[in-house]
Amino acid sequence: MKKLFTLLLLVALLPLTVLAQSSKKKKGTTILASTNFNYYSPLKPYHFLSQSYTQYDDLVLKFFTANSGVFNIQEGDSVLINRSLTSKMPSQLVGLGAGVQFRKLNGLFHELSLTKLSYSKTSNTLIYATIDSMGNPVNSRSLGYDQKNFAVGLRYELGKYFGKQKDAKLRFGLSGGIESNFYRFQSLPKSINDNPLNAKLLTLDLALIPMLSANLSKKLVLDFKVIPNFLTADFGTMKEENPSFTKRQQGGIRNYKSPDMTWAFSIQLRYVLKEAKKKRNEGG
C-alpha cells in the first residue's frame, strides 16, 4: 500500500518538477500560490454481512396428562442468524488546502494542490452498573470506542484559461485533473462483545474541471471550481477483526460502480509569487 501511494505521488510530481526546471530558463511563467476552501461528498459506507447457524439444546420430553392426552416437547431446529453491519469512515466534507500553479502567458497552466489533510482522535465511554437492593455494585460494563482518523489528498491539473489575462476581469477555464486520496481509520471498542474496525483505503479519481476566475487585483485572483470526480481505482478496504470470521469474511464491501461519480467544489484565493516577464527581441 505504501509503495503504491508513493508511486502515485511521484507520477503527480514528475510533470511539476519538469515544469519548474524549465521555468528557470523561460521568463514567460507566472507562479501563483493559493489557499483553498474545499468541499467533498461523503464517503460511501462499508457493509459487513455474515450468516451463522445455532441449534437449541432443549431436552426432549414426552409426558401424559389425564385431561389432554400425550404431549411431545421436541428439540428445536437449527436457526439461521443473519447479521448485518454498516460502518462509515469519518468524511472530510469541508476543509482548507493549498496549491501552487505555474501559468504561461497564453493561459496554459500546471497545478498541484493539497486537497485534504486531517487527523482526528475521539473517545466515547458509556458505563452500565448494576446495584443490588443494599446499594452494593454487582456488575458493571463499559461501552464505547476510541477512534483515530487520518486523510490526505493530492490533485494534479493540466488546463487553460481563456481570454486576455490583463483585460478580462472574469475568465473561464478548463482543466483535466487526477487526484489520489489516502484514508486511515481505526476504531477500538471498549466492550469485549464488539470488534475492532481497521481501514486503509487509497482512491484514484479523474476529473474534467470547469472553473471561473476573477482578477481581484494585480496580485490577487479568486477561482471557483466545480469538480466531478470519477472514481477509477479503489485499493484497500475496512476490516472487522472478528476472530470467528475468515480473513475474507472480515473485509467489508462498498457498493459502487466504477467509474463512480462524486462531486467536489473548491474556492481558491491565489496570490502572485512571481509574475511572468515577456521576452525581449534579440535585435531590440
C-alpha atoms as a PDB file:
ATOM      1  CA  MET A   1       0.000   0.000   0.000  1.00  0.00           C
ATOM      2  CA  LYS A   2       2.788   2.456   0.917  1.00  0.00           C
ATOM      3  CA  LYS A   3       4.718   1.652  -2.270  1.00  0.00           C
ATOM      4  CA  LEU A   4       1.634   2.228  -4.419  1.00  0.00           C
ATOM      5  CA  PHE A   5       0.884   5.554  -2.721  1.00  0.00           C
ATOM      6  CA  THR A   6       4.497   6.660  -3.222  1.00  0.00           C
ATOM      7  CA  LEU A   7       4.341   5.706  -6.893  1.00  0.00           C
ATOM      8  CA  LEU A   8       1.167   7.742  -7.457  1.00  0.00           C
ATOM      9  CA  LEU A   9       2.713  10.715  -5.703  1.00  0.00           C
ATOM     10  CA  LEU A  10       5.811  10.546  -7.909  1.00  0.00           C
ATOM     11  CA  VAL A  11       3.641  10.348 -11.022  1.00  0.00           C
ATOM     12  CA  ALA A  12       1.832  13.516  -9.938  1.00  0.00           C
ATOM     13  CA  LEU A  13       5.030  15.365  -9.014  1.00  0.00           C
ATOM     14  CA  LEU A  14       7.066  14.467 -12.103  1.00  0.00           C
ATOM     15  CA  PRO A  15       5.348  16.866 -14.563  1.00  0.00           C
ATOM     16  CA  LEU A  16       5.514  19.649 -11.981  1.00  0.00           C
ATOM     17  CA  THR A  17       9.246  19.048 -11.408  1.00  0.00           C
ATOM     18  CA  VAL A  18       9.974  19.176 -15.136  1.00  0.00           C
ATOM     19  CA  LEU A  19       7.941  22.375 -15.455  1.00  0.00           C
ATOM     20  CA  ALA A  20       9.711  24.019 -12.513  1.00  0.00           C
ATOM     21  CA  GLN A  21      13.117  23.254 -14.025  1.00  0.00           C
ATOM     22  CA  SER A  22      12.130  24.575 -17.442  1.00  0.00           C
ATOM     23  CA  SER A  23      10.678  27.766 -15.925  1.00  0.00           C
ATOM     24  CA  LYS A  24      14.166  28.785 -14.838  1.00  0.00           C
ATOM     25  CA  LYS A  25      15.109  29.093 -18.487  1.00  0.00           C
ATOM     26  CA  LYS A  26      11.873  30.743 -19.620  1.00  0.00           C
ATOM     27  CA  LYS A  27      10.671  34.055 -18.285  1.00  0.00           C
ATOM     28  CA  GLY A  28       7.071  33.683 -19.543  1.00  0.00           C
ATOM     29  CA  THR A  29       5.751  31.827 -16.484  1.00  0.00           C
ATOM     30  CA  THR A  30       3.720  33.239 -13.602  1.00  0.00           C
ATOM     31  CA  ILE A  31       3.919  31.362 -10.290  1.00  0.00           C
ATOM     32  CA  LEU A  32       0.861  31.619  -8.031  1.00  0.00           C
ATOM     33  CA  ALA A  33       0.295  30.144  -4.563  1.00  0.00           C
ATOM     34  CA  SER A  34      -3.227  29.544  -3.304  1.00  0.00           C
ATOM     35  CA  THR A  35      -5.244  28.929  -0.167  1.00  0.00           C
ATOM     36  CA  ASN A  36      -8.170  26.627  -0.913  1.00  0.00           C
ATOM     37  CA  PHE A  37     -11.545  26.026   0.689  1.00  0.00           C
ATOM     38  CA  ASN A  38     -12.767  22.590  -0.420  1.00  0.00           C
ATOM     39  CA  TYR A  39     -15.985  20.596  -0.155  1.00  0.00           C
ATOM     40  CA  TYR A  40     -16.175  16.861  -0.910  1.00  0.00           C
ATOM     41  CA  SER A  41     -19.043  14.380  -0.975  1.00  0.00           C
ATOM     42  CA  PRO A  42     -19.107  11.914   1.951  1.00  0.00           C
ATOM     43  CA  LEU A  43     -17.501   8.513   1.528  1.00  0.00           C
ATOM     44  CA  LYS A  44     -19.804   5.606   0.863  1.00  0.00           C
ATOM     45  CA  PRO A  45     -20.213   3.165   3.787  1.00  0.00           C
ATOM     46  CA  TYR A  46     -18.909  -0.364   4.124  1.00  0.00           C
ATOM     47  CA  HIS A  47     -21.279  -3.282   4.609  1.00  0.00           C
ATOM     48  CA  PHE A  48     -20.490  -6.444   6.562  1.00  0.00           C
ATOM     49  CA  LEU A  49     -22.768  -9.458   6.122  1.00  0.00           C
ATOM     50  CA  SER A  50     -22.434 -12.800   7.884  1.00  0.00           C
ATOM     51  CA  GLN A  51     -24.550 -15.887   8.474  1.00  0.00           C
ATOM     52  CA  SER A  52     -24.364 -18.492  11.204  1.00  0.00           C
ATOM     53  CA  TYR A  53     -26.458 -21.399  12.443  1.00  0.00           C
ATOM     54  CA  THR A  54     -27.400 -22.178  16.032  1.00  0.00           C
ATOM     55  CA  GLN A  55     -29.280 -25.145  17.440  1.00  0.00           C
ATOM     56  CA  TYR A  56     -31.360 -25.284  20.599  1.00  0.00           C
ATOM     57  CA  ASP A  57     -30.258 -27.923  23.093  1.00  0.00           C
ATOM     58  CA  ASP A  58     -33.680 -28.296  24.712  1.00  0.00           C
ATOM     59  CA  LEU A  59     -34.464 -31.575  26.476  1.00  0.00           C
ATOM     60  CA  VAL A  60     -36.861 -33.844  24.560  1.00  0.00           C
ATOM     61  CA  LEU A  61     -39.765 -34.766  26.857  1.00  0.00           C
ATOM     62  CA  LYS A  62     -42.797 -36.972  26.417  1.00  0.00           C
ATOM     63  CA  PHE A  63     -45.499 -36.989  29.096  1.00  0.00           C
ATOM     64  CA  PHE A  64     -49.173 -37.854  29.539  1.00  0.00           C
ATOM     65  CA  THR A  65     -51.902 -35.720  31.092  1.00  0.00           C
ATOM     66  CA  ALA A  66     -55.251 -37.004  32.183  1.00  0.00           C
ATOM     67  CA  ASN A  67     -57.279 -34.257  30.521  1.00  0.00           C
ATOM     68  CA  SER A  68     -55.400 -33.573  27.286  1.00  0.00           C
ATOM     69  CA  GLY A  69     -53.552 -36.724  26.278  1.00  0.00           C
ATOM     70  CA  VAL A  70     -49.922 -37.167  25.273  1.00  0.00           C
ATOM     71  CA  PHE A  71     -47.567 -34.170  24.794  1.00  0.00           C
ATOM     72  CA  ASN A  72     -44.213 -34.212  22.990  1.00  0.00           C
ATOM     73  CA  ILE A  73     -41.615 -31.492  23.541  1.00  0.00           C
ATOM     74  CA  GLN A  74     -39.017 -31.851  20.805  1.00  0.00           C
ATOM     75  CA  GLU A  75     -35.569 -30.391  20.366  1.00  0.00           C
ATOM     76  CA  GLY A  76     -35.618 -27.164  18.391  1.00  0.00           C
ATOM     77  CA  ASP A  77     -34.463 -26.995  14.776  1.00  0.00           C
ATOM     78  CA  SER A  78     -31.370 -25.156  13.600  1.00  0.00           C
ATOM     79  CA  VAL A  79     -31.869 -21.409  13.335  1.00  0.00           C
ATOM     80  CA  LEU A  80     -30.161 -19.247  10.704  1.00  0.00           C
ATOM     81  CA  ILE A  81     -28.908 -15.928  12.077  1.00  0.00           C
ATOM     82  CA  ASN A  82     -28.268 -13.131   9.587  1.00  0.00           C
ATOM     83  CA  ARG A  83     -26.007 -10.360  10.858  1.00  0.00           C
ATOM     84  CA  SER A  84     -25.636  -7.035   9.052  1.00  0.00           C
ATOM     85  CA  LEU A  85     -23.257  -4.208   9.988  1.00  0.00           C
ATOM     86  CA  THR A  86     -22.889  -0.868   8.220  1.00  0.00           C
ATOM     87  CA  SER A  87     -19.940   1.364   9.070  1.00  0.00           C
ATOM     88  CA  LYS A  88     -18.751   4.707   7.697  1.00  0.00           C
ATOM     89  CA  MET A  89     -15.324   6.210   7.955  1.00  0.00           C
ATOM     90  CA  PRO A  90     -15.293   9.871   9.033  1.00  0.00           C
ATOM     91  CA  SER A  91     -15.581  12.039   5.918  1.00  0.00           C
ATOM     92  CA  GLN A  92     -13.755  15.331   5.452  1.00  0.00           C
ATOM     93  CA  LEU A  93     -16.691  17.236   3.994  1.00  0.00           C
ATOM     94  CA  VAL A  94     -15.111  20.690   4.242  1.00  0.00           C
ATOM     95  CA  GLY A  95     -11.548  21.729   4.801  1.00  0.00           C
ATOM     96  CA  LEU A  96      -8.674  24.002   3.898  1.00  0.00           C
ATOM     97  CA  GLY A  97      -5.963  23.183   1.393  1.00  0.00           C
ATOM     98  CA  ALA A  98      -3.135  24.813  -0.506  1.00  0.00           C
ATOM     99  CA  GLY A  99      -1.691  24.758  -4.003  1.00  0.00           C
ATOM    100  CA  VAL A 100       0.873  26.108  -6.421  1.00  0.00           C
ATOM    101  CA  GLN A 101       0.210  26.961 -10.065  1.00  0.00           C
ATOM    102  CA  PHE A 102       2.605  27.597 -12.945  1.00  0.00           C
ATOM    103  CA  ARG A 103       0.819  29.662 -15.606  1.00  0.00           C
ATOM    104  CA  LYS A 104       2.035  30.590 -19.088  1.00  0.00           C
ATOM    105  CA  LEU A 105       1.249  33.873 -20.825  1.00  0.00           C
ATOM    106  CA  ASN A 106      -1.072  32.030 -23.211  1.00  0.00           C
ATOM    107  CA  GLY A 107      -3.201  30.735 -20.309  1.00  0.00           C
ATOM    108  CA  LEU A 108      -1.835  27.183 -20.122  1.00  0.00           C
ATOM    109  CA  PHE A 109      -1.088  26.022 -16.576  1.00  0.00           C
ATOM    110  CA  HIS A 110       0.103  23.167 -14.396  1.00  0.00           C
ATOM    111  CA  GLU A 111      -1.140  22.970 -10.822  1.00  0.00           C
ATOM    112  CA  LEU A 112      -0.542  20.777  -7.768  1.00  0.00           C
ATOM    113  CA  SER A 113      -2.939  21.060  -4.814  1.00  0.00           C
ATOM    114  CA  LEU A 114      -3.134  19.620  -1.343  1.00  0.00           C
ATOM    115  CA  THR A 115      -6.876  18.950  -1.156  1.00  0.00           C
ATOM    116  CA  LYS A 116      -7.143  17.071   2.149  1.00  0.00           C
ATOM    117  CA  LEU A 117      -5.020  16.915   5.281  1.00  0.00           C
ATOM    118  CA  SER A 118      -6.620  15.959   8.572  1.00  0.00           C
ATOM    119  CA  TYR A 119      -6.017  13.912  11.699  1.00  0.00           C
ATOM    120  CA  SER A 120      -8.553  13.352  14.452  1.00  0.00           C
ATOM    121  CA  LYS A 121      -8.791  11.285  17.613  1.00  0.00           C
ATOM    122  CA  THR A 122     -12.027  10.740  19.528  1.00  0.00           C
ATOM    123  CA  SER A 123     -13.107   8.717  22.552  1.00  0.00           C
ATOM    124  CA  ASN A 124     -16.543   7.779  23.849  1.00  0.00           C
ATOM    125  CA  THR A 125     -17.253   5.826  27.059  1.00  0.00           C
ATOM    126  CA  LEU A 126     -20.594   4.658  28.471  1.00  0.00           C
ATOM    127  CA  ILE A 127     -20.615   2.677  31.760  1.00  0.00           C
ATOM    128  CA  TYR A 128     -23.527   0.461  32.836  1.00  0.00           C
ATOM    129  CA  ALA A 129     -23.579  -0.511  36.518  1.00  0.00           C
ATOM    130  CA  THR A 130     -25.890  -2.951  38.337  1.00  0.00           C
ATOM    131  CA  ILE A 131     -26.569  -2.292  42.033  1.00  0.00           C
ATOM    132  CA  ASP A 132     -28.379  -4.631  44.425  1.00  0.00           C
ATOM    133  CA  SER A 133     -31.016  -3.643  46.980  1.00  0.00           C
ATOM    134  CA  MET A 134     -28.330  -2.930  49.564  1.00  0.00           C
ATOM    135  CA  GLY A 135     -26.633  -0.400  47.283  1.00  0.00           C
ATOM    136  CA  ASN A 136     -23.639  -2.575  46.545  1.00  0.00           C
ATOM    137  CA  PRO A 137     -22.310  -2.783  42.960  1.00  0.00           C
ATOM    138  CA  VAL A 138     -22.955  -6.209  41.471  1.00  0.00           C
ATOM    139  CA  ASN A 139     -21.788  -5.831  37.903  1.00  0.00           C
ATOM    140  CA  SER A 140     -20.578  -3.106  35.551  1.00  0.00           C
ATOM    141  CA  ARG A 141     -19.564  -2.961  31.931  1.00  0.00           C
ATOM    142  CA  SER A 142     -18.108  -0.313  29.651  1.00  0.00           C
ATOM    143  CA  LEU A 143     -19.307   0.540  26.175  1.00  0.00           C
ATOM    144  CA  GLY A 144     -17.842   2.970  23.688  1.00  0.00           C
ATOM    145  CA  TYR A 145     -14.801   3.262  21.455  1.00  0.00           C
ATOM    146  CA  ASP A 146     -11.517   5.002  20.745  1.00  0.00           C
ATOM    147  CA  GLN A 147     -11.169   6.212  17.148  1.00  0.00           C
ATOM    148  CA  LYS A 148      -8.323   7.576  15.042  1.00  0.00           C
ATOM    149  CA  ASN A 149      -8.716   9.019  11.560  1.00  0.00           C
ATOM    150  CA  PHE A 150      -6.195  10.360   9.023  1.00  0.00           C
ATOM    151  CA  ALA A 151      -6.784  11.626   5.486  1.00  0.00           C
ATOM    152  CA  VAL A 152      -4.554  13.213   2.846  1.00  0.00           C
ATOM    153  CA  GLY A 153      -5.309  14.089  -0.770  1.00  0.00           C
ATOM    154  CA  LEU A 154      -3.303  15.456  -3.721  1.00  0.00           C
ATOM    155  CA  ARG A 155      -4.591  16.659  -7.095  1.00  0.00           C
ATOM    156  CA  TYR A 156      -2.586  17.441 -10.242  1.00  0.00           C
ATOM    157  CA  GLU A 157      -4.166  19.515 -13.024  1.00  0.00           C
ATOM    158  CA  LEU A 158      -3.271  20.497 -16.560  1.00  0.00           C
ATOM    159  CA  GLY A 159      -5.509  23.156 -18.086  1.00  0.00           C
ATOM    160  CA  LYS A 160      -6.013  26.506 -19.758  1.00  0.00           C
ATOM    161  CA  TYR A 161      -7.630  29.876 -19.055  1.00  0.00           C
ATOM    162  CA  PHE A 162      -9.435  31.555 -21.938  1.00  0.00           C
ATOM    163  CA  GLY A 163      -9.414  35.306 -22.546  1.00  0.00           C
ATOM    164  CA  LYS A 164      -6.805  38.006 -22.095  1.00  0.00           C
ATOM    165  CA  GLN A 165      -5.185  37.986 -18.688  1.00  0.00           C
ATOM    166  CA  LYS A 166      -4.921  41.749 -18.155  1.00  0.00           C
ATOM    167  CA  ASP A 167      -8.081  42.974 -19.864  1.00  0.00           C
ATOM    168  CA  ALA A 168     -10.676  40.436 -18.627  1.00  0.00           C
ATOM    169  CA  LYS A 169     -11.974  40.707 -15.068  1.00  0.00           C
ATOM    170  CA  LEU A 170     -13.641  37.293 -15.398  1.00  0.00           C
ATOM    171  CA  ARG A 171     -12.236  34.357 -17.327  1.00  0.00           C
ATOM    172  CA  PHE A 172     -13.395  30.825 -17.944  1.00  0.00           C
ATOM    173  CA  GLY A 173     -11.013  27.917 -17.561  1.00  0.00           C
ATOM    174  CA  LEU A 174     -10.972  24.189 -18.114  1.00  0.00           C
ATOM    175  CA  SER A 175      -8.590  21.541 -16.820  1.00  0.00           C
ATOM    176  CA  GLY A 176      -8.121  17.811 -16.539  1.00  0.00           C
ATOM    177  CA  GLY A 177      -7.191  16.502 -13.109  1.00  0.00           C
ATOM    178  CA  ILE A 178      -6.016  13.337 -11.407  1.00  0.00           C
ATOM    179  CA  GLU A 179      -6.442  13.062  -7.642  1.00  0.00           C
ATOM    180  CA  SER A 180      -5.248  10.463  -5.156  1.00  0.00           C
ATOM    181  CA  ASN A 181      -6.610  10.208  -1.606  1.00  0.00           C
ATOM    182  CA  PHE A 182      -5.372   8.069   1.258  1.00  0.00           C
ATOM    183  CA  TYR A 183      -7.559   7.291   4.283  1.00  0.00           C
ATOM    184  CA  ARG A 184      -6.564   5.560   7.518  1.00  0.00           C
ATOM    185  CA  PHE A 185      -9.215   4.735  10.119  1.00  0.00           C
ATOM    186  CA  GLN A 186      -9.144   2.706  13.335  1.00  0.00           C
ATOM    187  CA  SER A 187     -11.917   2.071  15.845  1.00  0.00           C
ATOM    188  CA  LEU A 188     -11.143   0.182  19.073  1.00  0.00           C
ATOM    189  CA  PRO A 189     -14.229  -0.796  21.130  1.00  0.00           C
ATOM    190  CA  LYS A 190     -14.185  -0.857  24.915  1.00  0.00           C
ATOM    191  CA  SER A 191     -16.606  -3.774  25.116  1.00  0.00           C
ATOM    192  CA  ILE A 192     -15.439  -7.358  24.649  1.00  0.00           C
ATOM    193  CA  ASN A 193     -18.654  -8.032  22.737  1.00  0.00           C
ATOM    194  CA  ASP A 194     -17.669  -5.650  19.918  1.00  0.00           C
ATOM    195  CA  ASN A 195     -14.880  -5.996  17.394  1.00  0.00           C
ATOM    196  CA  PRO A 196     -12.224  -3.510  16.222  1.00  0.00           C
ATOM    197  CA  LEU A 197     -12.572  -1.849  12.818  1.00  0.00           C
ATOM    198  CA  ASN A 198      -9.477  -1.098  10.774  1.00  0.00           C
ATOM    199  CA  ALA A 199      -9.425   0.620   7.380  1.00  0.00           C
ATOM    200  CA  LYS A 200      -6.758   1.560   4.845  1.00  0.00           C
ATOM    201  CA  LEU A 201      -8.078   2.997   1.594  1.00  0.00           C
ATOM    202  CA  LEU A 202      -6.372   4.538  -1.420  1.00  0.00           C
ATOM    203  CA  THR A 203      -8.556   6.029  -4.174  1.00  0.00           C
ATOM    204  CA  LEU A 204      -7.715   7.441  -7.579  1.00  0.00           C
ATOM    205  CA  ASP A 205     -10.086   9.905  -9.267  1.00  0.00           C
ATOM    206  CA  LEU A 206     -10.135  11.556 -12.689  1.00  0.00           C
ATOM    207  CA  ALA A 207     -11.974  14.815 -13.354  1.00  0.00           C
ATOM    208  CA  LEU A 208     -12.756  17.349 -16.088  1.00  0.00           C
ATOM    209  CA  ILE A 209     -12.892  20.620 -14.148  1.00  0.00           C
ATOM    210  CA  PRO A 210     -14.612  23.818 -15.310  1.00  0.00           C
ATOM    211  CA  MET A 211     -13.665  26.968 -13.435  1.00  0.00           C
ATOM    212  CA  LEU A 212     -14.377  30.670 -13.231  1.00  0.00           C
ATOM    213  CA  SER A 213     -11.509  33.050 -12.461  1.00  0.00           C
ATOM    214  CA  ALA A 214     -11.834  36.643 -11.210  1.00  0.00           C
ATOM    215  CA  ASN A 215      -8.927  39.119 -11.116  1.00  0.00           C
ATOM    216  CA  LEU A 216      -9.366  40.948  -7.805  1.00  0.00           C
ATOM    217  CA  SER A 217      -6.170  42.960  -8.198  1.00  0.00           C
ATOM    218  CA  LYS A 218      -2.793  42.736  -9.853  1.00  0.00           C
ATOM    219  CA  LYS A 219      -1.625  40.262  -7.206  1.00  0.00           C
ATOM    220  CA  LEU A 220      -4.851  38.508  -6.167  1.00  0.00           C
ATOM    221  CA  VAL A 221      -7.035  36.081  -8.159  1.00  0.00           C
ATOM    222  CA  LEU A 222     -10.148  34.203  -6.996  1.00  0.00           C
ATOM    223  CA  ASP A 223     -11.024  30.886  -8.676  1.00  0.00           C
ATOM    224  CA  PHE A 224     -14.187  28.833  -8.266  1.00  0.00           C
ATOM    225  CA  LYS A 225     -14.108  25.199  -9.422  1.00  0.00           C
ATOM    226  CA  VAL A 226     -16.789  22.554  -9.882  1.00  0.00           C
ATOM    227  CA  ILE A 227     -15.125  19.133  -9.712  1.00  0.00           C
ATOM    228  CA  PRO A 228     -16.959  15.998 -10.896  1.00  0.00           C
ATOM    229  CA  ASN A 229     -14.696  13.196  -9.663  1.00  0.00           C
ATOM    230  CA  PHE A 230     -14.842   9.814 -11.379  1.00  0.00           C
ATOM    231  CA  LEU A 231     -13.579   7.070  -9.079  1.00  0.00           C
ATOM    232  CA  THR A 232     -11.483   4.825 -11.323  1.00  0.00           C
ATOM    233  CA  ALA A 233      -9.460   2.826  -8.768  1.00  0.00           C
ATOM    234  CA  ASP A 234     -10.018   1.773  -5.175  1.00  0.00           C
ATOM    235  CA  PHE A 235      -7.353  -0.087  -3.199  1.00  0.00           C
ATOM    236  CA  GLY A 236      -7.848  -1.417   0.310  1.00  0.00           C
ATOM    237  CA  THR A 237     -10.906  -1.981   2.479  1.00  0.00           C
ATOM    238  CA  MET A 238     -12.296  -1.804   6.000  1.00  0.00           C
ATOM    239  CA  LYS A 239     -11.893  -4.929   8.119  1.00  0.00           C
ATOM    240  CA  GLU A 240     -13.829  -6.085  11.134  1.00  0.00           C
ATOM    241  CA  GLU A 241     -11.326  -8.004  13.254  1.00  0.00           C
ATOM    242  CA  ASN A 242     -13.663 -10.787  14.297  1.00  0.00           C
ATOM    243  CA  PRO A 243     -11.720 -13.924  15.319  1.00  0.00           C
ATOM    244  CA  SER A 244     -14.643 -16.184  14.377  1.00  0.00           C
ATOM    245  CA  PHE A 245     -14.509 -14.978  10.726  1.00  0.00           C
ATOM    246  CA  THR A 246     -12.063 -15.858   7.998  1.00  0.00           C
ATOM    247  CA  LYS A 247      -9.878 -13.080   6.569  1.00  0.00           C
ATOM    248  CA  ARG A 248     -12.160 -12.898   3.555  1.00  0.00           C
ATOM    249  CA  GLN A 249     -15.255 -12.527   5.734  1.00  0.00           C
ATOM    250  CA  GLN A 250     -13.609  -9.785   7.787  1.00  0.00           C
ATOM    251  CA  GLY A 251     -13.382  -7.460   4.772  1.00  0.00           C
ATOM    252  CA  GLY A 252     -16.221  -5.000   4.187  1.00  0.00           C
ATOM    253  CA  ILE A 253     -17.848  -4.225   0.838  1.00  0.00           C
ATOM    254  CA  ARG A 254     -18.531  -0.796  -0.647  1.00  0.00           C
ATOM    255  CA  ASN A 255     -21.369  -0.721  -3.142  1.00  0.00           C
ATOM    256  CA  TYR A 256     -20.309   1.419  -6.096  1.00  0.00           C
ATOM    257  CA  LYS A 257     -19.832   1.043  -9.805  1.00  0.00           C
ATOM    258  CA  SER A 258     -16.545   2.025 -11.424  1.00  0.00           C
ATOM    259  CA  PRO A 259     -16.342   4.733 -12.569  1.00  0.00           C
ATOM    260  CA  ASP A 260     -18.483   6.177  -9.792  1.00  0.00           C
ATOM    261  CA  MET A 261     -19.013   9.949  -9.843  1.00  0.00           C
ATOM    262  CA  THR A 262     -18.902  12.200  -6.781  1.00  0.00           C
ATOM    263  CA  TRP A 263     -18.945  15.986  -6.589  1.00  0.00           C
ATOM    264  CA  ALA A 264     -16.497  18.427  -5.070  1.00  0.00           C
ATOM    265  CA  PHE A 265     -16.224  22.220  -5.022  1.00  0.00           C
ATOM    266  CA  SER A 266     -13.217  24.423  -4.445  1.00  0.00           C
ATOM    267  CA  ILE A 267     -12.732  28.168  -3.877  1.00  0.00           C
ATOM    268  CA  GLN A 268      -9.107  29.214  -4.329  1.00  0.00           C
ATOM    269  CA  LEU A 269      -7.613  32.575  -3.389  1.00  0.00           C
ATOM    270  CA  ARG A 270      -4.417  32.916  -5.419  1.00  0.00           C
ATOM    271  CA  TYR A 271      -1.609  35.392  -4.882  1.00  0.00           C
ATOM    272  CA  VAL A 272       1.204  36.023  -7.322  1.00  0.00           C
ATOM    273  CA  LEU A 273       4.656  34.959  -6.152  1.00  0.00           C
ATOM    274  CA  LYS A 274       6.432  35.638  -9.425  1.00  0.00           C
ATOM    275  CA  GLU A 275       4.996  37.484 -12.397  1.00  0.00           C
ATOM    276  CA  ALA A 276       5.788  36.451 -15.954  1.00  0.00           C
ATOM    277  CA  LYS A 277       8.060  38.688 -17.996  1.00  0.00           C
ATOM    278  CA  LYS A 278       7.832  38.815 -21.745  1.00  0.00           C
ATOM    279  CA  LYS A 279      10.963  38.049 -23.682  1.00  0.00           C
ATOM    280  CA  ARG A 280      12.695  40.940 -25.357  1.00  0.00           C
ATOM    281  CA  ASN A 281      13.545  40.761 -29.019  1.00  0.00           C
ATOM    282  CA  GLU A 282      17.212  39.946 -29.551  1.00  0.00           C
ATOM    283  CA  GLY A 283      17.605  42.809 -32.027  1.00  0.00           C
ATOM    284  CA  GLY A 284      15.859  45.344 -29.759  1.00  0.00           C
END
